[in-house]
């Protein structure tokens, strides 16, 4: 009986740990995929530009500015606080 109790306690602990790991792991994955999607969109635009224009340097400059814009928007989204986080604060 004592072994069964220990087994349930250990299994409950493992399930709770897995729940915490998997529930919070999606946050960082979502941020990474949005940046990767933006950069892949920039590379598609670069390929289209390369097919249209003979000057590849112009396409490279466009690609670099697009990637910089992606990184800047990602940094801004990480640095700005969520609007709902101030709802629980009480005024002085």
PDB file of N, CA and C in Angstrom:
ATOM      1  N   UNK A   1       0.817  -1.196   0.000  1.00  0.00           N
ATOM      2  CA  UNK A   1       0.000   0.000   0.000  1.00  0.00           C
ATOM      3  C   UNK A   1       0.864   1.265   0.000  1.00  0.00           C
ATOM      4  N   UNK A   2       1.946   1.195   0.767  1.00  0.00           N
ATOM      5  CA  UNK A   2       2.833   2.338   0.857  1.00  0.00           C
ATOM      6  C   UNK A   2       3.530   2.590  -0.490  1.00  0.00           C
ATOM      7  N   UNK A   3       3.888   1.523  -1.198  1.00  0.00           N
ATOM      8  CA  UNK A   3       4.517   1.667  -2.503  1.00  0.00           C
ATOM      9  C   UNK A   3       3.557   2.278  -3.512  1.00  0.00           C
ATOM     10  N   UNK A   4       2.295   1.924  -3.430  1.00  0.00           N
ATOM     11  CA  UNK A   4       1.284   2.479  -4.330  1.00  0.00           C
ATOM     12  C   UNK A   4       1.124   3.976  -4.084  1.00  0.00           C
ATOM     13  N   UNK A   5       1.147   4.364  -2.838  1.00  0.00           N
ATOM     14  CA  UNK A   5       1.038   5.789  -2.495  1.00  0.00           C
ATOM     15  C   UNK A   5       2.235   6.575  -3.038  1.00  0.00           C
ATOM     16  N   UNK A   6       3.440   6.028  -2.879  1.00  0.00           N
ATOM     17  CA  UNK A   6       4.646   6.680  -3.387  1.00  0.00           C
ATOM     18  C   UNK A   6       4.586   6.777  -4.906  1.00  0.00           C
ATOM     19  N   UNK A   7       4.095   5.711  -5.566  1.00  0.00           N
ATOM     20  CA  UNK A   7       3.972   5.723  -7.017  1.00  0.00           C
ATOM     21  C   UNK A   7       3.040   6.844  -7.482  1.00  0.00           C
ATOM     22  N   UNK A   8       1.906   7.022  -6.814  1.00  0.00           N
ATOM     23  CA  UNK A   8       0.972   8.087  -7.191  1.00  0.00           C
ATOM     24  C   UNK A   8       1.556   9.474  -6.949  1.00  0.00           C
ATOM     25  N   UNK A   9       2.284   9.647  -5.883  1.00  0.00           N
ATOM     26  CA  UNK A   9       2.902  10.946  -5.595  1.00  0.00           C
ATOM     27  C   UNK A   9       3.938  11.275  -6.660  1.00  0.00           C
ATOM     28  N   UNK A  10       4.770  10.311  -7.010  1.00  0.00           N
ATOM     29  CA  UNK A  10       5.792  10.544  -8.026  1.00  0.00           C
ATOM     30  C   UNK A  10       5.162  10.808  -9.383  1.00  0.00           C
ATOM     31  N   UNK A  11       4.149  10.033  -9.742  1.00  0.00           N
ATOM     32  CA  UNK A  11       3.504  10.238 -11.041  1.00  0.00           C
ATOM     33  C   UNK A  11       2.789  11.589 -11.091  1.00  0.00           C
ATOM     34  N   UNK A  12       2.186  12.014 -10.002  1.00  0.00           N
ATOM     35  CA  UNK A  12       1.539  13.329  -9.952  1.00  0.00           C
ATOM     36  C   UNK A  12       2.573  14.440 -10.128  1.00  0.00           C
ATOM     37  N   UNK A  13       3.722  14.294  -9.481  1.00  0.00           N
ATOM     38  CA  UNK A  13       4.795  15.281  -9.599  1.00  0.00           C
ATOM     39  C   UNK A  13       5.302  15.362 -11.039  1.00  0.00           C
ATOM     40  N   UNK A  14       5.477  14.230 -11.683  1.00  0.00           N
ATOM     41  CA  UNK A  14       5.951  14.204 -13.075  1.00  0.00           C
ATOM     42  C   UNK A  14       4.925  14.830 -14.006  1.00  0.00           C
ATOM     43  N   UNK A  15       3.645  14.542 -13.808  1.00  0.00           N
ATOM     44  CA  UNK A  15       2.604  15.144 -14.653  1.00  0.00           C
ATOM     45  C   UNK A  15       2.549  16.654 -14.464  1.00  0.00           C
ATOM     46  N   UNK A  16       2.674  17.119 -13.237  1.00  0.00           N
ATOM     47  CA  UNK A  16       2.655  18.559 -12.981  1.00  0.00           C
ATOM     48  C   UNK A  16       3.866  19.242 -13.614  1.00  0.00           C
ATOM     49  N   UNK A  17       5.013  18.605 -13.538  1.00  0.00           N
ATOM     50  CA  UNK A  17       6.217  19.159 -14.146  1.00  0.00           C
ATOM     51  C   UNK A  17       6.082  19.218 -15.661  1.00  0.00           C
ATOM     52  N   UNK A  18       5.560  18.176 -16.274  1.00  0.00           N
ATOM     53  CA  UNK A  18       5.334  18.184 -17.728  1.00  0.00           C
ATOM     54  C   UNK A  18       4.337  19.257 -18.132  1.00  0.00           C
ATOM     55  N   UNK A  19       3.303  19.440 -17.346  1.00  0.00           N
ATOM     56  CA  UNK A  19       2.324  20.480 -17.644  1.00  0.00           C
ATOM     57  C   UNK A  19       2.957  21.856 -17.634  1.00  0.00           C
ATOM     58  N   UNK A  20       3.803  22.131 -16.655  1.00  0.00           N
ATOM     59  CA  UNK A  20       4.465  23.430 -16.580  1.00  0.00           C
ATOM     60  C   UNK A  20       5.425  23.643 -17.738  1.00  0.00           C
ATOM     61  N   UNK A  21       6.165  22.608 -18.085  1.00  0.00           N
ATOM     62  CA  UNK A  21       7.130  22.737 -19.184  1.00  0.00           C
ATOM     63  C   UNK A  21       6.413  22.995 -20.492  1.00  0.00           C
ATOM     64  N   UNK A  22       5.382  22.221 -20.793  1.00  0.00           N
ATOM     65  CA  UNK A  22       4.714  22.355 -22.078  1.00  0.00           C
ATOM     66  C   UNK A  22       3.804  23.580 -22.155  1.00  0.00           C
ATOM     67  N   UNK A  23       3.304  24.053 -21.057  1.00  0.00           N
ATOM     68  CA  UNK A  23       2.433  25.221 -21.111  1.00  0.00           C
ATOM     69  C   UNK A  23       3.217  26.507 -21.349  1.00  0.00           C
ATOM     70  N   UNK A  24       4.446  26.594 -20.874  1.00  0.00           N
ATOM     71  CA  UNK A  24       5.239  27.803 -21.053  1.00  0.00           C
ATOM     72  C   UNK A  24       6.211  27.724 -22.217  1.00  0.00           C
ATOM     73  N   UNK A  25       6.383  26.577 -22.816  1.00  0.00           N
ATOM     74  CA  UNK A  25       7.330  26.457 -23.914  1.00  0.00           C
ATOM     75  C   UNK A  25       6.790  27.088 -25.190  1.00  0.00           C
ATOM     76  N   UNK A  26       5.493  27.215 -25.350  1.00  0.00           N
ATOM     77  CA  UNK A  26       4.900  27.783 -26.553  1.00  0.00           C
ATOM     78  C   UNK A  26       5.148  29.268 -26.707  1.00  0.00           C
ATOM     79  N   UNK A  27       5.446  29.957 -25.629  1.00  0.00           N
ATOM     80  CA  UNK A  27       5.655  31.401 -25.689  1.00  0.00           C
ATOM     81  C   UNK A  27       6.899  31.725 -26.492  1.00  0.00           C
ATOM     82  N   UNK A  28       8.001  31.111 -26.179  1.00  0.00           N
ATOM     83  CA  UNK A  28       9.234  31.409 -26.900  1.00  0.00           C
ATOM     84  C   UNK A  28       9.195  30.874 -28.319  1.00  0.00           C
ATOM     85  N   UNK A  29       8.519  29.771 -28.540  1.00  0.00           N
ATOM     86  CA  UNK A  29       8.404  29.219 -29.886  1.00  0.00           C
ATOM     87  C   UNK A  29       7.632  30.170 -30.777  1.00  0.00           C
ATOM     88  N   UNK A  30       6.595  30.770 -30.257  1.00  0.00           N
ATOM     89  CA  UNK A  30       5.798  31.703 -31.061  1.00  0.00           C
ATOM     90  C   UNK A  30       6.611  32.928 -31.453  1.00  0.00           C
ATOM     91  N   UNK A  31       7.424  33.436 -30.542  1.00  0.00           N
ATOM     92  CA  UNK A  31       8.246  34.593 -30.869  1.00  0.00           C
ATOM     93  C   UNK A  31       9.281  34.253 -31.931  1.00  0.00           C
ATOM     94  N   UNK A  32       9.874  33.079 -31.845  1.00  0.00           N
ATOM     95  CA  UNK A  32      10.886  32.700 -32.814  1.00  0.00           C
ATOM     96  C   UNK A  32      10.278  32.469 -34.182  1.00  0.00           C
ATOM     97  N   UNK A  33       9.105  31.862 -34.230  1.00  0.00           N
ATOM     98  CA  UNK A  33       8.505  31.583 -35.533  1.00  0.00           C
ATOM     99  C   UNK A  33       8.061  32.861 -36.220  1.00  0.00           C
ATOM    100  N   UNK A  34       7.608  33.856 -35.471  1.00  0.00           N
ATOM    101  CA  UNK A  34       7.196  35.096 -36.120  1.00  0.00           C
ATOM    102  C   UNK A  34       8.395  35.801 -36.756  1.00  0.00           C
ATOM    103  N   UNK A  35       9.537  35.779 -36.100  1.00  0.00           N
ATOM    104  CA  UNK A  35      10.746  36.372 -36.667  1.00  0.00           C
ATOM    105  C   UNK A  35      11.217  35.573 -37.877  1.00  0.00           C
ATOM    106  N   UNK A  36      11.164  34.253 -37.784  1.00  0.00           N
ATOM    107  CA  UNK A  36      11.573  33.411 -38.916  1.00  0.00           C
ATOM    108  C   UNK A  36      10.642  33.610 -40.097  1.00  0.00           C
ATOM    109  N   UNK A  37       9.345  33.743 -39.831  1.00  0.00           N
ATOM    110  CA  UNK A  37       8.396  33.984 -40.922  1.00  0.00           C
ATOM    111  C   UNK A  37       8.675  35.314 -41.610  1.00  0.00           C
ATOM    112  N   UNK A  38       8.988  36.326 -40.831  1.00  0.00           N
ATOM    113  CA  UNK A  38       9.272  37.645 -41.390  1.00  0.00           C
ATOM    114  C   UNK A  38      10.540  37.602 -42.249  1.00  0.00           C
ATOM    115  N   UNK A  39      11.563  36.928 -41.761  1.00  0.00           N
ATOM    116  CA  UNK A  39      12.814  36.846 -42.519  1.00  0.00           C
ATOM    117  C   UNK A  39      12.633  35.999 -43.778  1.00  0.00           C
ATOM    118  N   UNK A  40      11.853  34.930 -43.693  1.00  0.00           N
ATOM    119  CA  UNK A  40      11.611  34.131 -44.895  1.00  0.00           C
ATOM    120  C   UNK A  40      10.812  34.933 -45.922  1.00  0.00           C
ATOM    121  N   UNK A  41       9.919  35.793 -45.445  1.00  0.00           N
ATOM    122  CA  UNK A  41       9.185  36.682 -46.349  1.00  0.00           C
ATOM    123  C   UNK A  41      10.148  37.656 -47.025  1.00  0.00           C
ATOM    124  N   UNK A  42      11.129  38.144 -46.288  1.00  0.00           N
ATOM    125  CA  UNK A  42      12.144  39.035 -46.867  1.00  0.00           C
ATOM    126  C   UNK A  42      12.967  38.313 -47.928  1.00  0.00           C
ATOM    127  N   UNK A  43      13.320  37.051 -47.671  1.00  0.00           N
ATOM    128  CA  UNK A  43      14.116  36.312 -48.654  1.00  0.00           C
ATOM    129  C   UNK A  43      13.311  36.031 -49.919  1.00  0.00           C
ATOM    130  N   UNK A  44      12.000  35.818 -49.760  1.00  0.00           N
ATOM    131  CA  UNK A  44      11.155  35.647 -50.952  1.00  0.00           C
ATOM    132  C   UNK A  44      11.104  36.937 -51.766  1.00  0.00           C
ATOM    133  N   UNK A  45      11.007  38.057 -51.070  1.00  0.00           N
ATOM    134  CA  UNK A  45      11.018  39.342 -51.773  1.00  0.00           C
ATOM    135  C   UNK A  45      12.356  39.569 -52.481  1.00  0.00           C
ATOM    136  N   UNK A  46      13.451  39.125 -51.866  1.00  0.00           N
ATOM    137  CA  UNK A  46      14.759  39.273 -52.482  1.00  0.00           C
ATOM    138  C   UNK A  46      14.850  38.435 -53.757  1.00  0.00           C
ATOM    139  N   UNK A  47      14.309  37.235 -53.740  1.00  0.00           N
ATOM    140  CA  UNK A  47      14.327  36.393 -54.929  1.00  0.00           C
ATOM    141  C   UNK A  47      13.516  37.013 -56.063  1.00  0.00           C
ATOM    142  N   UNK A  48      12.386  37.577 -55.715  1.00  0.00           N
ATOM    143  CA  UNK A  48      11.558  38.235 -56.726  1.00  0.00           C
ATOM    144  C   UNK A  48      12.291  39.447 -57.285  1.00  0.00           C
ATOM    145  N   UNK A  49      12.927  40.206 -56.406  1.00  0.00           N
ATOM    146  CA  UNK A  49      13.688  41.382 -56.851  1.00  0.00           C
ATOM    147  C   UNK A  49      14.836  40.965 -57.757  1.00  0.00           C
ATOM    148  N   UNK A  50      15.497  39.874 -57.428  1.00  0.00           N
ATOM    149  CA  UNK A  50      16.611  39.393 -58.250  1.00  0.00           C
ATOM    150  C   UNK A  50      16.140  38.965 -59.637  1.00  0.00           C
ATOM    151  N   UNK A  51      14.935  38.437 -59.714  1.00  0.00           N
ATOM    152  CA  UNK A  51      14.396  38.030 -61.010  1.00  0.00           C
ATOM    153  C   UNK A  51      14.011  39.232 -61.872  1.00  0.00           C
ATOM    154  N   UNK A  52      13.610  40.313 -61.226  1.00  0.00           N
ATOM    155  CA  UNK A  52      13.143  41.488 -61.966  1.00  0.00           C
ATOM    156  C   UNK A  52      14.294  42.419 -62.322  1.00  0.00           C
ATOM    157  N   UNK A  53      15.164  42.714 -61.364  1.00  0.00           N
ATOM    158  CA  UNK A  53      16.227  43.702 -61.554  1.00  0.00           C
ATOM    159  C   UNK A  53      17.554  43.037 -61.909  1.00  0.00           C
ATOM    160  N   UNK A  54      18.322  43.717 -62.736  1.00  0.00           N
ATOM    161  CA  UNK A  54      19.654  43.223 -63.094  1.00  0.00           C
ATOM    162  C   UNK A  54      20.678  43.570 -62.021  1.00  0.00           C
ATOM    163  N   UNK A  55      20.425  44.641 -61.250  1.00  0.00           N
ATOM    164  CA  UNK A  55      21.357  45.083 -60.211  1.00  0.00           C
ATOM    165  C   UNK A  55      21.049  44.337 -58.912  1.00  0.00           C
ATOM    166  N   UNK A  56      21.906  43.399 -58.539  1.00  0.00           N
ATOM    167  CA  UNK A  56      21.688  42.581 -57.339  1.00  0.00           C
ATOM    168  C   UNK A  56      21.985  43.366 -56.060  1.00  0.00           C
ATOM    169  N   UNK A  57      22.795  44.415 -56.163  1.00  0.00           N
ATOM    170  CA  UNK A  57      23.119  45.200 -54.975  1.00  0.00           C
ATOM    171  C   UNK A  57      21.889  45.880 -54.411  1.00  0.00           C
ATOM    172  N   UNK A  58      21.016  46.352 -55.291  1.00  0.00           N
ATOM    173  CA  UNK A  58      19.789  46.993 -54.838  1.00  0.00           C
ATOM    174  C   UNK A  58      18.911  45.986 -54.085  1.00  0.00           C
ATOM    175  N   UNK A  59      18.859  44.763 -54.576  1.00  0.00           N
ATOM    176  CA  UNK A  59      18.073  43.723 -53.913  1.00  0.00           C
ATOM    177  C   UNK A  59      18.663  43.372 -52.549  1.00  0.00           C
ATOM    178  N   UNK A  60      19.990  43.358 -52.453  1.00  0.00           N
ATOM    179  CA  UNK A  60      20.640  43.070 -51.181  1.00  0.00           C
ATOM    180  C   UNK A  60      20.356  44.162 -50.151  1.00  0.00           C
ATOM    181  N   UNK A  61      20.330  45.405 -50.587  1.00  0.00           N
ATOM    182  CA  UNK A  61      20.016  46.515 -49.686  1.00  0.00           C
ATOM    183  C   UNK A  61      18.569  46.420 -49.214  1.00  0.00           C
ATOM    184  N   UNK A  62      17.673  46.076 -50.123  1.00  0.00           N
ATOM    185  CA  UNK A  62      16.260  45.901 -49.759  1.00  0.00           C
ATOM    186  C   UNK A  62      16.105  44.767 -48.747  1.00  0.00           C
ATOM    187  N   UNK A  63      16.829  43.681 -48.971  1.00  0.00           N
ATOM    188  CA  UNK A  63      16.766  42.534 -48.059  1.00  0.00           C
ATOM    189  C   UNK A  63      17.274  42.912 -46.677  1.00  0.00           C
ATOM    190  N   UNK A  64      18.390  43.627 -46.626  1.00  0.00           N
ATOM    191  CA  UNK A  64      18.951  44.028 -45.332  1.00  0.00           C
ATOM    192  C   UNK A  64      18.004  44.960 -44.582  1.00  0.00           C
ATOM    193  N   UNK A  65      17.386  45.885 -45.290  1.00  0.00           N
ATOM    194  CA  UNK A  65      16.448  46.788 -44.613  1.00  0.00           C
ATOM    195  C   UNK A  65      15.205  46.033 -44.141  1.00  0.00           C
ATOM    196  N   UNK A  66      14.784  45.039 -44.910  1.00  0.00           N
ATOM    197  CA  UNK A  66      13.630  44.242 -44.505  1.00  0.00           C
ATOM    198  C   UNK A  66      13.941  43.431 -43.244  1.00  0.00           C
ATOM    199  N   UNK A  67      15.120  42.808 -43.194  1.00  0.00           N
ATOM    200  CA  UNK A  67      15.526  42.029 -42.023  1.00  0.00           C
ATOM    201  C   UNK A  67      15.685  42.936 -40.808  1.00  0.00           C
ATOM    202  N   UNK A  68      16.253  44.118 -41.008  1.00  0.00           N
ATOM    203  CA  UNK A  68      16.387  45.073 -39.901  1.00  0.00           C
ATOM    204  C   UNK A  68      15.019  45.487 -39.356  1.00  0.00           C
ATOM    205  N   UNK A  69      14.061  45.679 -40.265  1.00  0.00           N
ATOM    206  CA  UNK A  69      12.710  46.035 -39.837  1.00  0.00           C
ATOM    207  C   UNK A  69      12.076  44.889 -39.054  1.00  0.00           C
ATOM    208  N   UNK A  70      12.329  43.658 -39.477  1.00  0.00           N
ATOM    209  CA  UNK A  70      11.806  42.493 -38.745  1.00  0.00           C
ATOM    210  C   UNK A  70      12.381  42.434 -37.335  1.00  0.00           C
ATOM    211  N   UNK A  71      13.685  42.617 -37.231  1.00  0.00           N
ATOM    212  CA  UNK A  71      14.334  42.566 -35.922  1.00  0.00           C
ATOM    213  C   UNK A  71      13.880  43.705 -35.028  1.00  0.00           C
ATOM    214  N   UNK A  72      13.688  44.887 -35.612  1.00  0.00           N
ATOM    215  CA  UNK A  72      13.243  46.046 -34.837  1.00  0.00           C
ATOM    216  C   UNK A  72      11.827  45.829 -34.309  1.00  0.00           C
ATOM    217  N   UNK A  73      10.957  45.310 -35.154  1.00  0.00           N
ATOM    218  CA  UNK A  73       9.581  45.065 -34.703  1.00  0.00           C
ATOM    219  C   UNK A  73       9.545  43.971 -33.651  1.00  0.00           C
ATOM    220  N   UNK A  74      10.428  42.990 -33.757  1.00  0.00           N
ATOM    221  CA  UNK A  74      10.496  41.928 -32.748  1.00  0.00           C
ATOM    222  C   UNK A  74      10.974  42.491 -31.417  1.00  0.00           C
ATOM    223  N   UNK A  75      11.978  43.366 -31.441  1.00  0.00           N
ATOM    224  CA  UNK A  75      12.473  43.976 -30.209  1.00  0.00           C
ATOM    225  C   UNK A  75      11.415  44.870 -29.573  1.00  0.00           C
ATOM    226  N   UNK A  76      10.670  45.605 -30.397  1.00  0.00           N
ATOM    227  CA  UNK A  76       9.617  46.472 -29.869  1.00  0.00           C
ATOM    228  C   UNK A  76       8.499  45.659 -29.242  1.00  0.00           C
ATOM    229  N   UNK A  77       8.160  44.529 -29.849  1.00  0.00           N
ATOM    230  CA  UNK A  77       7.091  43.709 -29.287  1.00  0.00           C
ATOM    231  C   UNK A  77       7.522  43.063 -27.978  1.00  0.00           C
ATOM    232  N   UNK A  78       8.815  42.791 -27.820  1.00  0.00           N
ATOM    233  CA  UNK A  78       9.298  42.226 -26.571  1.00  0.00           C
ATOM    234  C   UNK A  78       9.445  43.274 -25.486  1.00  0.00           C
ATOM    235  N   UNK A  79       9.761  44.519 -25.855  1.00  0.00           N
ATOM    236  CA  UNK A  79      10.013  45.553 -24.851  1.00  0.00           C
ATOM    237  C   UNK A  79       8.742  46.242 -24.375  1.00  0.00           C
ATOM    238  N   UNK A  80       7.677  46.243 -25.166  1.00  0.00           N
ATOM    239  CA  UNK A  80       6.456  46.908 -24.752  1.00  0.00           C
ATOM    240  C   UNK A  80       5.683  46.019 -23.795  1.00  0.00           C
ATOM    241  N   UNK A  81       5.201  46.577 -22.670  1.00  0.00           N
ATOM    242  CA  UNK A  81       4.424  45.763 -21.730  1.00  0.00           C
ATOM    243  C   UNK A  81       3.034  45.473 -22.293  1.00  0.00           C
ATOM    244  N   UNK A  82       2.464  44.393 -21.817  1.00  0.00           N
ATOM    245  CA  UNK A  82       1.114  44.028 -22.239  1.00  0.00           C
ATOM    246  C   UNK A  82       0.121  45.018 -21.645  1.00  0.00           C
ATOM    247  N   UNK A  83      -0.933  45.333 -22.374  1.00  0.00           N
ATOM    248  CA  UNK A  83      -1.924  46.294 -21.893  1.00  0.00           C
ATOM    249  C   UNK A  83      -2.718  45.732 -20.721  1.00  0.00           C
ATOM    250  N   UNK A  84      -2.953  44.445 -20.704  1.00  0.00           N
ATOM    251  CA  UNK A  84      -3.745  43.835 -19.639  1.00  0.00           C
ATOM    252  C   UNK A  84      -2.999  43.712 -18.336  1.00  0.00           C
ATOM    253  N   UNK A  85      -1.679  43.908 -18.317  1.00  0.00           N
ATOM    254  CA  UNK A  85      -0.914  43.728 -17.090  1.00  0.00           C
ATOM    255  C   UNK A  85      -1.152  44.852 -16.092  1.00  0.00           C
ATOM    256  N   UNK A  86      -1.619  46.023 -16.520  1.00  0.00           N
ATOM    257  CA  UNK A  86      -1.844  47.144 -15.610  1.00  0.00           C
ATOM    258  C   UNK A  86      -3.243  47.149 -15.019  1.00  0.00           C
ATOM    259  N   UNK A  87      -4.085  46.215 -15.386  1.00  0.00           N
ATOM    260  CA  UNK A  87      -5.458  46.200 -14.887  1.00  0.00           C
ATOM    261  C   UNK A  87      -5.536  45.894 -13.406  1.00  0.00           C
ATOM    262  N   UNK A  88      -4.609  45.085 -12.882  1.00  0.00           N
ATOM    263  CA  UNK A  88      -4.665  44.694 -11.488  1.00  0.00           C
ATOM    264  C   UNK A  88      -4.044  45.726 -10.568  1.00  0.00           C
ATOM    265  N   UNK A  89      -3.353  46.711 -11.105  1.00  0.00           N
ATOM    266  CA  UNK A  89      -2.737  47.725 -10.268  1.00  0.00           C
ATOM    267  C   UNK A  89      -3.763  48.764  -9.826  1.00  0.00           C
ATOM    268  N   UNK A  90      -3.662  49.148  -8.565  1.00  0.00           N
ATOM    269  CA  UNK A  90      -4.568  50.144  -8.023  1.00  0.00           C
ATOM    270  C   UNK A  90      -3.878  51.502  -8.003  1.00  0.00           C
ATOM    271  N   UNK A  91      -4.609  52.574  -8.300  1.00  0.00           N
ATOM    272  CA  UNK A  91      -3.986  53.902  -8.230  1.00  0.00           C
ATOM    273  C   UNK A  91      -3.674  54.274  -6.792  1.00  0.00           C
ATOM    274  N   UNK A  92      -2.702  55.161  -6.613  1.00  0.00           N
ATOM    275  CA  UNK A  92      -2.280  55.558  -5.261  1.00  0.00           C
ATOM    276  C   UNK A  92      -3.241  56.539  -4.667  1.00  0.00           C
TER     277      UNK A  92
END
